[in-house]
């Protein structure tokens, strides 16, 4: 379990840190292009959210995506609030899955977003924070005091 948690954490960390640069977090070209490229495949309710909430606030949402992915990655790698991090990974991957229209082809079975969602669900539902995790050290310390 710990190996899977750490591996998925490294994936989220790589995705997040690759976006910690001005063209993404500054709300410039990369984030704008990523959102606009999703729009044709996005279901109408979520498309409206992207068009009327995300695009007008692209700098904020670019930062939320980059820092959210990075925080989920760090938390999973170190096993610090690992269950909350797994839930955060599920939230992020589900949003990407819906935004990209991944569900429209083969029930989404061929998408990385769905795979990340399922793995994060697995990490949430299993004792993935029981080994090589700061969560267990914190729990032990609380019990001893």
N, C-alpha and C. Protein backbone atom coordinates (compact mmCIF):
# COMPACT_ATOMS: atom_id res chain seq x y z
N UNK A 1 0.81 -1.20 0.00
CA UNK A 1 0.00 0.00 0.00
C UNK A 1 0.86 1.27 0.00
N UNK A 2 1.90 1.25 0.84
CA UNK A 2 2.75 2.44 0.93
C UNK A 2 3.42 2.74 -0.40
N UNK A 3 3.87 1.70 -1.09
CA UNK A 3 4.53 1.91 -2.38
C UNK A 3 3.58 2.55 -3.39
N UNK A 4 2.35 2.09 -3.42
CA UNK A 4 1.35 2.67 -4.33
C UNK A 4 1.07 4.12 -3.95
N UNK A 5 0.91 4.38 -2.65
CA UNK A 5 0.65 5.74 -2.18
C UNK A 5 1.80 6.67 -2.57
N UNK A 6 3.02 6.22 -2.38
CA UNK A 6 4.19 7.04 -2.70
C UNK A 6 4.30 7.25 -4.21
N UNK A 7 4.06 6.20 -4.99
CA UNK A 7 4.13 6.33 -6.45
C UNK A 7 3.09 7.33 -6.97
N UNK A 8 1.86 7.20 -6.51
CA UNK A 8 0.81 8.12 -6.96
C UNK A 8 1.12 9.53 -6.46
N UNK A 9 1.68 9.63 -5.26
CA UNK A 9 2.09 10.93 -4.75
C UNK A 9 3.15 11.57 -5.63
N UNK A 10 4.09 10.76 -6.10
CA UNK A 10 5.12 11.29 -7.01
C UNK A 10 4.52 11.75 -8.33
N UNK A 11 3.50 11.05 -8.81
CA UNK A 11 2.81 11.50 -10.03
C UNK A 11 2.17 12.86 -9.82
N UNK A 12 1.39 12.99 -8.73
CA UNK A 12 0.75 14.28 -8.45
C UNK A 12 1.80 15.36 -8.24
N UNK A 13 2.88 15.04 -7.57
CA UNK A 13 3.94 16.01 -7.33
C UNK A 13 4.57 16.47 -8.65
N UNK A 14 4.82 15.53 -9.55
CA UNK A 14 5.39 15.88 -10.86
C UNK A 14 4.42 16.76 -11.66
N UNK A 15 3.14 16.41 -11.63
CA UNK A 15 2.14 17.21 -12.36
C UNK A 15 2.06 18.61 -11.77
N UNK A 16 2.03 18.70 -10.45
CA UNK A 16 1.88 19.99 -9.80
C UNK A 16 3.09 20.89 -9.96
N UNK A 17 4.28 20.34 -9.72
CA UNK A 17 5.48 21.18 -9.81
C UNK A 17 5.76 21.61 -11.24
N UNK A 18 5.31 20.83 -12.22
CA UNK A 18 5.51 21.25 -13.62
C UNK A 18 4.67 22.48 -13.95
N UNK A 19 3.66 22.75 -13.12
CA UNK A 19 2.79 23.90 -13.35
C UNK A 19 3.18 25.12 -12.51
N UNK A 20 4.17 24.97 -11.66
CA UNK A 20 4.59 26.09 -10.81
C UNK A 20 5.57 26.99 -11.56
N UNK A 21 5.09 27.53 -12.62
CA UNK A 21 5.89 28.46 -13.43
C UNK A 21 4.95 29.54 -13.95
N UNK A 22 5.48 30.70 -14.30
CA UNK A 22 4.63 31.86 -14.60
C UNK A 22 3.58 31.65 -15.70
N UNK A 23 3.87 30.85 -16.70
CA UNK A 23 2.89 30.67 -17.77
C UNK A 23 1.67 29.88 -17.32
N UNK A 24 1.78 29.17 -16.20
CA UNK A 24 0.61 28.43 -15.68
C UNK A 24 0.00 29.17 -14.50
N UNK A 25 0.77 29.34 -13.41
CA UNK A 25 0.20 29.93 -12.20
C UNK A 25 -0.10 31.41 -12.35
N UNK A 26 0.50 32.05 -13.32
CA UNK A 26 0.23 33.46 -13.55
C UNK A 26 -1.04 33.68 -14.35
N UNK A 27 -1.77 32.61 -14.66
CA UNK A 27 -3.00 32.75 -15.42
C UNK A 27 -2.76 33.17 -16.86
N UNK A 28 -1.64 32.76 -17.37
CA UNK A 28 -1.31 33.17 -18.74
C UNK A 28 -1.67 32.05 -19.71
N UNK A 29 -0.91 31.92 -20.74
CA UNK A 29 -1.25 31.10 -21.89
C UNK A 29 -1.53 29.63 -21.60
N UNK A 30 -0.70 28.95 -20.84
CA UNK A 30 -0.84 27.49 -20.69
C UNK A 30 -2.16 27.09 -20.04
N UNK A 31 -2.50 27.71 -18.92
CA UNK A 31 -3.76 27.36 -18.25
C UNK A 31 -4.94 27.71 -19.14
N UNK A 32 -4.90 28.89 -19.73
CA UNK A 32 -5.99 29.32 -20.62
C UNK A 32 -6.17 28.34 -21.78
N UNK A 33 -5.08 27.91 -22.40
CA UNK A 33 -5.16 26.95 -23.50
C UNK A 33 -5.68 25.60 -23.02
N UNK A 34 -5.27 25.16 -21.85
CA UNK A 34 -5.72 23.88 -21.32
C UNK A 34 -7.23 23.89 -21.11
N UNK A 35 -7.74 24.96 -20.53
CA UNK A 35 -9.19 25.05 -20.28
C UNK A 35 -9.94 25.16 -21.59
N UNK A 36 -9.50 26.02 -22.48
CA UNK A 36 -10.21 26.21 -23.75
C UNK A 36 -10.20 24.94 -24.61
N UNK A 37 -9.13 24.14 -24.52
CA UNK A 37 -9.08 22.91 -25.32
C UNK A 37 -10.08 21.87 -24.80
N UNK A 38 -10.47 21.98 -23.56
CA UNK A 38 -11.43 21.04 -22.97
C UNK A 38 -12.88 21.39 -23.32
N UNK A 39 -13.16 22.63 -23.57
CA UNK A 39 -14.54 23.10 -23.70
C UNK A 39 -15.40 22.32 -24.70
N UNK A 40 -14.91 22.00 -25.91
CA UNK A 40 -15.79 21.29 -26.85
C UNK A 40 -16.28 19.93 -26.35
N UNK A 41 -15.49 19.24 -25.52
CA UNK A 41 -15.87 17.90 -25.05
C UNK A 41 -16.57 17.92 -23.70
N UNK A 42 -16.67 19.09 -23.09
CA UNK A 42 -17.23 19.18 -21.74
C UNK A 42 -18.75 19.23 -21.78
N UNK A 43 -19.37 18.53 -20.83
CA UNK A 43 -20.83 18.55 -20.72
C UNK A 43 -21.31 19.97 -20.41
N UNK A 44 -22.49 20.35 -20.93
CA UNK A 44 -22.97 21.73 -20.78
C UNK A 44 -22.94 22.32 -19.37
N UNK A 45 -23.38 21.63 -18.32
CA UNK A 45 -23.32 22.29 -17.00
C UNK A 45 -21.89 22.62 -16.56
N UNK A 46 -20.98 21.70 -16.78
CA UNK A 46 -19.59 21.94 -16.38
C UNK A 46 -18.93 22.93 -17.33
N UNK A 47 -19.33 22.92 -18.60
CA UNK A 47 -18.80 23.90 -19.56
C UNK A 47 -19.17 25.31 -19.12
N UNK A 48 -20.41 25.50 -18.67
CA UNK A 48 -20.83 26.81 -18.19
C UNK A 48 -19.98 27.26 -17.00
N UNK A 49 -19.68 26.34 -16.10
CA UNK A 49 -18.82 26.65 -14.96
C UNK A 49 -17.43 27.08 -15.45
N UNK A 50 -16.88 26.35 -16.40
CA UNK A 50 -15.56 26.70 -16.92
C UNK A 50 -15.58 28.07 -17.60
N UNK A 51 -16.61 28.32 -18.40
CA UNK A 51 -16.69 29.57 -19.16
C UNK A 51 -16.97 30.79 -18.28
N UNK A 52 -17.84 30.63 -17.29
CA UNK A 52 -18.31 31.78 -16.52
C UNK A 52 -17.64 31.97 -15.17
N UNK A 53 -16.96 30.94 -14.68
CA UNK A 53 -16.30 31.06 -13.38
C UNK A 53 -14.78 30.89 -13.52
N UNK A 54 -14.35 29.82 -14.18
CA UNK A 54 -12.92 29.52 -14.26
C UNK A 54 -12.19 30.50 -15.19
N UNK A 55 -12.66 30.66 -16.41
CA UNK A 55 -11.94 31.53 -17.35
C UNK A 55 -11.83 32.98 -16.88
N UNK A 56 -12.90 33.59 -16.34
CA UNK A 56 -12.72 34.96 -15.84
C UNK A 56 -11.76 35.07 -14.65
N UNK A 57 -11.55 33.97 -13.96
CA UNK A 57 -10.66 33.94 -12.80
C UNK A 57 -9.51 32.97 -13.03
N UNK A 58 -8.98 33.01 -14.23
CA UNK A 58 -7.98 32.01 -14.62
C UNK A 58 -6.71 32.06 -13.79
N UNK A 59 -6.29 33.21 -13.33
CA UNK A 59 -5.08 33.28 -12.51
C UNK A 59 -5.29 32.53 -11.19
N UNK A 60 -6.43 32.74 -10.56
CA UNK A 60 -6.74 32.05 -9.31
C UNK A 60 -6.83 30.54 -9.53
N UNK A 61 -7.56 30.11 -10.55
CA UNK A 61 -7.74 28.69 -10.78
C UNK A 61 -6.45 28.01 -11.23
N UNK A 62 -5.61 28.73 -11.97
CA UNK A 62 -4.31 28.19 -12.35
C UNK A 62 -3.47 27.90 -11.11
N UNK A 63 -3.50 28.81 -10.15
CA UNK A 63 -2.78 28.61 -8.89
C UNK A 63 -3.38 27.48 -8.09
N UNK A 64 -4.72 27.41 -8.02
CA UNK A 64 -5.37 26.34 -7.27
C UNK A 64 -5.00 24.97 -7.82
N UNK A 65 -4.98 24.85 -9.13
CA UNK A 65 -4.62 23.57 -9.75
C UNK A 65 -3.17 23.21 -9.45
N UNK A 66 -2.26 24.14 -9.71
CA UNK A 66 -0.83 23.86 -9.51
C UNK A 66 -0.52 23.54 -8.05
N UNK A 67 -0.98 24.36 -7.14
CA UNK A 67 -0.69 24.14 -5.72
C UNK A 67 -1.47 22.95 -5.18
N UNK A 68 -2.70 22.75 -5.66
CA UNK A 68 -3.48 21.59 -5.22
C UNK A 68 -2.80 20.29 -5.59
N UNK A 69 -2.35 20.17 -6.82
CA UNK A 69 -1.67 18.95 -7.25
C UNK A 69 -0.36 18.75 -6.47
N UNK A 70 0.36 19.83 -6.25
CA UNK A 70 1.63 19.74 -5.52
C UNK A 70 1.40 19.32 -4.07
N UNK A 71 0.41 19.91 -3.42
CA UNK A 71 0.11 19.57 -2.02
C UNK A 71 -0.36 18.13 -1.90
N UNK A 72 -1.23 17.69 -2.81
CA UNK A 72 -1.67 16.29 -2.79
C UNK A 72 -0.47 15.37 -2.95
N UNK A 73 0.42 15.71 -3.86
CA UNK A 73 1.62 14.89 -4.08
C UNK A 73 2.51 14.80 -2.86
N UNK A 74 2.81 15.93 -2.25
CA UNK A 74 3.68 15.95 -1.07
C UNK A 74 3.03 15.15 0.07
N UNK A 75 1.74 15.38 0.28
CA UNK A 75 1.05 14.69 1.37
C UNK A 75 1.02 13.17 1.16
N UNK A 76 0.82 12.74 -0.06
CA UNK A 76 0.82 11.29 -0.33
C UNK A 76 2.22 10.70 -0.21
N UNK A 77 3.21 11.38 -0.71
CA UNK A 77 4.58 10.86 -0.63
C UNK A 77 5.01 10.68 0.82
N UNK A 78 4.73 11.67 1.65
CA UNK A 78 5.16 11.60 3.04
C UNK A 78 4.14 10.95 3.96
N UNK A 79 2.97 10.64 3.43
CA UNK A 79 1.96 10.01 4.26
C UNK A 79 1.45 10.93 5.35
N UNK A 80 1.40 12.21 5.07
CA UNK A 80 0.92 13.21 6.01
C UNK A 80 -0.50 13.59 5.61
N UNK A 81 -1.43 13.38 6.47
CA UNK A 81 -2.87 13.51 6.17
C UNK A 81 -3.19 12.80 4.84
N UNK A 82 -2.73 11.57 4.77
CA UNK A 82 -2.80 10.80 3.52
C UNK A 82 -4.23 10.56 3.06
N UNK A 83 -5.15 10.36 4.00
CA UNK A 83 -6.54 10.13 3.62
C UNK A 83 -7.14 11.39 3.00
N UNK A 84 -6.87 12.54 3.60
CA UNK A 84 -7.35 13.81 3.04
C UNK A 84 -6.70 14.07 1.68
N UNK A 85 -5.43 13.72 1.54
CA UNK A 85 -4.74 13.90 0.27
C UNK A 85 -5.35 12.99 -0.81
N UNK A 86 -5.69 11.77 -0.45
CA UNK A 86 -6.33 10.86 -1.40
C UNK A 86 -7.68 11.42 -1.84
N UNK A 87 -8.43 11.99 -0.88
CA UNK A 87 -9.72 12.62 -1.23
C UNK A 87 -9.49 13.82 -2.14
N UNK A 88 -8.44 14.60 -1.87
CA UNK A 88 -8.10 15.72 -2.75
C UNK A 88 -7.72 15.26 -4.14
N UNK A 89 -6.98 14.17 -4.22
CA UNK A 89 -6.63 13.60 -5.53
C UNK A 89 -7.87 13.13 -6.29
N UNK A 90 -8.81 12.54 -5.56
CA UNK A 90 -10.07 12.13 -6.18
C UNK A 90 -10.82 13.34 -6.74
N UNK A 91 -10.89 14.41 -5.95
CA UNK A 91 -11.57 15.63 -6.37
C UNK A 91 -10.93 16.21 -7.63
N UNK A 92 -9.60 16.32 -7.62
CA UNK A 92 -8.90 16.86 -8.79
C UNK A 92 -9.11 16.00 -10.03
N UNK A 93 -8.90 14.70 -9.89
CA UNK A 93 -9.01 13.82 -11.06
C UNK A 93 -10.44 13.75 -11.58
N UNK A 94 -11.42 13.79 -10.69
CA UNK A 94 -12.82 13.79 -11.14
C UNK A 94 -13.13 15.06 -11.92
N UNK A 95 -12.63 16.20 -11.45
CA UNK A 95 -12.84 17.45 -12.19
C UNK A 95 -12.19 17.40 -13.57
N UNK A 96 -10.98 16.86 -13.64
CA UNK A 96 -10.31 16.75 -14.94
C UNK A 96 -11.05 15.79 -15.86
N UNK A 97 -11.54 14.70 -15.29
CA UNK A 97 -12.28 13.69 -16.04
C UNK A 97 -13.53 14.32 -16.68
N UNK A 98 -14.26 15.09 -15.89
CA UNK A 98 -15.47 15.73 -16.40
C UNK A 98 -15.12 16.85 -17.38
N UNK A 99 -14.11 17.64 -17.06
CA UNK A 99 -13.73 18.77 -17.92
C UNK A 99 -13.25 18.32 -19.29
N UNK A 100 -12.53 17.21 -19.34
CA UNK A 100 -11.99 16.76 -20.62
C UNK A 100 -12.97 15.90 -21.40
N UNK A 101 -14.12 15.60 -20.81
CA UNK A 101 -15.09 14.75 -21.50
C UNK A 101 -14.64 13.32 -21.61
N UNK A 102 -13.79 12.88 -20.67
CA UNK A 102 -13.24 11.52 -20.70
C UNK A 102 -14.30 10.45 -20.64
N UNK A 103 -15.45 10.76 -20.07
CA UNK A 103 -16.56 9.81 -19.93
C UNK A 103 -17.22 9.49 -21.27
N UNK A 104 -17.00 10.31 -22.27
CA UNK A 104 -17.72 10.18 -23.53
C UNK A 104 -17.22 9.02 -24.39
N UNK A 105 -16.02 8.53 -24.14
CA UNK A 105 -15.45 7.47 -24.96
C UNK A 105 -15.17 6.24 -24.11
N UNK A 106 -15.78 5.14 -24.44
CA UNK A 106 -15.57 3.86 -23.74
C UNK A 106 -15.80 4.00 -22.23
N UNK A 107 -16.78 4.78 -21.86
CA UNK A 107 -17.12 5.03 -20.45
C UNK A 107 -15.93 5.58 -19.68
N UNK A 108 -14.98 6.20 -20.36
CA UNK A 108 -13.82 6.78 -19.71
C UNK A 108 -12.78 5.79 -19.26
N UNK A 109 -12.91 4.54 -19.67
CA UNK A 109 -12.00 3.51 -19.19
C UNK A 109 -10.58 3.66 -19.70
N UNK A 110 -10.37 4.53 -20.65
CA UNK A 110 -9.04 4.70 -21.25
C UNK A 110 -8.37 5.99 -20.79
N UNK A 111 -8.83 6.59 -19.68
CA UNK A 111 -8.28 7.88 -19.29
C UNK A 111 -7.42 7.78 -18.03
N UNK A 112 -6.39 8.58 -17.98
CA UNK A 112 -5.52 8.66 -16.81
C UNK A 112 -6.29 9.24 -15.62
N UNK A 113 -7.19 10.17 -15.89
CA UNK A 113 -7.96 10.78 -14.81
C UNK A 113 -8.78 9.75 -14.04
N UNK A 114 -9.43 8.85 -14.78
CA UNK A 114 -10.23 7.82 -14.12
C UNK A 114 -9.33 6.87 -13.33
N UNK A 115 -8.20 6.53 -13.89
CA UNK A 115 -7.26 5.66 -13.19
C UNK A 115 -6.78 6.31 -11.89
N UNK A 116 -6.43 7.58 -11.94
CA UNK A 116 -6.00 8.28 -10.73
C UNK A 116 -7.14 8.36 -9.71
N UNK A 117 -8.36 8.57 -10.18
CA UNK A 117 -9.51 8.60 -9.28
C UNK A 117 -9.65 7.27 -8.55
N UNK A 118 -9.60 6.18 -9.30
CA UNK A 118 -9.78 4.85 -8.71
C UNK A 118 -8.64 4.53 -7.73
N UNK A 119 -7.42 4.86 -8.09
CA UNK A 119 -6.29 4.59 -7.20
C UNK A 119 -6.40 5.44 -5.93
N UNK A 120 -6.79 6.69 -6.06
CA UNK A 120 -6.96 7.53 -4.87
C UNK A 120 -8.12 7.02 -4.01
N UNK A 121 -9.18 6.52 -4.63
CA UNK A 121 -10.28 5.92 -3.88
C UNK A 121 -9.78 4.69 -3.11
N UNK A 122 -8.96 3.89 -3.76
CA UNK A 122 -8.37 2.72 -3.13
C UNK A 122 -7.51 3.14 -1.93
N UNK A 123 -6.69 4.18 -2.10
CA UNK A 123 -5.85 4.67 -1.02
C UNK A 123 -6.69 5.21 0.14
N UNK A 124 -7.81 5.81 -0.20
CA UNK A 124 -8.70 6.33 0.83
C UNK A 124 -9.37 5.21 1.61
N UNK A 125 -9.72 4.12 0.91
CA UNK A 125 -10.48 3.04 1.52
C UNK A 125 -9.63 1.99 2.23
N UNK A 126 -8.34 2.02 2.02
CA UNK A 126 -7.46 1.00 2.60
C UNK A 126 -6.49 1.66 3.59
N UNK A 127 -5.82 0.87 4.41
CA UNK A 127 -4.86 1.44 5.38
C UNK A 127 -3.53 1.82 4.72
N UNK A 128 -3.59 2.72 3.76
CA UNK A 128 -2.40 3.09 3.02
C UNK A 128 -1.48 4.02 3.79
N UNK A 129 -1.93 4.50 4.93
CA UNK A 129 -1.09 5.40 5.72
C UNK A 129 -0.53 4.72 6.97
N UNK A 130 -0.37 3.41 6.90
CA UNK A 130 0.10 2.65 8.06
C UNK A 130 1.59 2.34 8.03
N UNK A 131 2.24 2.55 6.90
CA UNK A 131 3.68 2.27 6.80
C UNK A 131 4.35 3.40 6.03
N UNK A 132 5.55 3.71 6.43
CA UNK A 132 6.33 4.77 5.79
C UNK A 132 5.51 6.05 5.67
N UNK A 133 4.85 6.42 6.77
CA UNK A 133 3.96 7.58 6.75
C UNK A 133 4.13 8.40 8.02
N UNK A 134 4.10 9.71 7.84
CA UNK A 134 4.15 10.59 9.00
C UNK A 134 2.88 10.49 9.83
N UNK A 135 1.77 10.11 9.21
CA UNK A 135 0.52 9.93 9.94
C UNK A 135 0.69 8.97 11.11
N UNK A 136 1.36 7.86 10.87
CA UNK A 136 1.53 6.85 11.91
C UNK A 136 2.44 7.37 13.03
N UNK A 137 3.46 8.14 12.69
CA UNK A 137 4.34 8.72 13.71
C UNK A 137 3.59 9.72 14.57
N UNK A 138 2.77 10.52 13.96
CA UNK A 138 1.97 11.51 14.70
C UNK A 138 0.98 10.80 15.62
N UNK A 139 0.35 9.75 15.12
CA UNK A 139 -0.61 8.99 15.91
C UNK A 139 0.08 8.35 17.12
N UNK A 140 1.26 7.79 16.91
CA UNK A 140 2.01 7.18 18.02
C UNK A 140 2.40 8.22 19.06
N UNK A 141 2.81 9.36 18.60
CA UNK A 141 3.22 10.42 19.52
C UNK A 141 2.02 10.90 20.36
N UNK A 142 0.87 11.03 19.74
CA UNK A 142 -0.33 11.45 20.48
C UNK A 142 -0.72 10.43 21.54
N UNK A 143 -0.57 9.17 21.21
CA UNK A 143 -0.93 8.11 22.17
C UNK A 143 0.01 8.10 23.36
N UNK A 144 1.27 8.46 23.15
CA UNK A 144 2.24 8.41 24.23
C UNK A 144 2.11 9.61 25.18
N UNK A 145 1.38 10.63 24.78
CA UNK A 145 1.21 11.82 25.65
C UNK A 145 -0.12 11.84 26.30
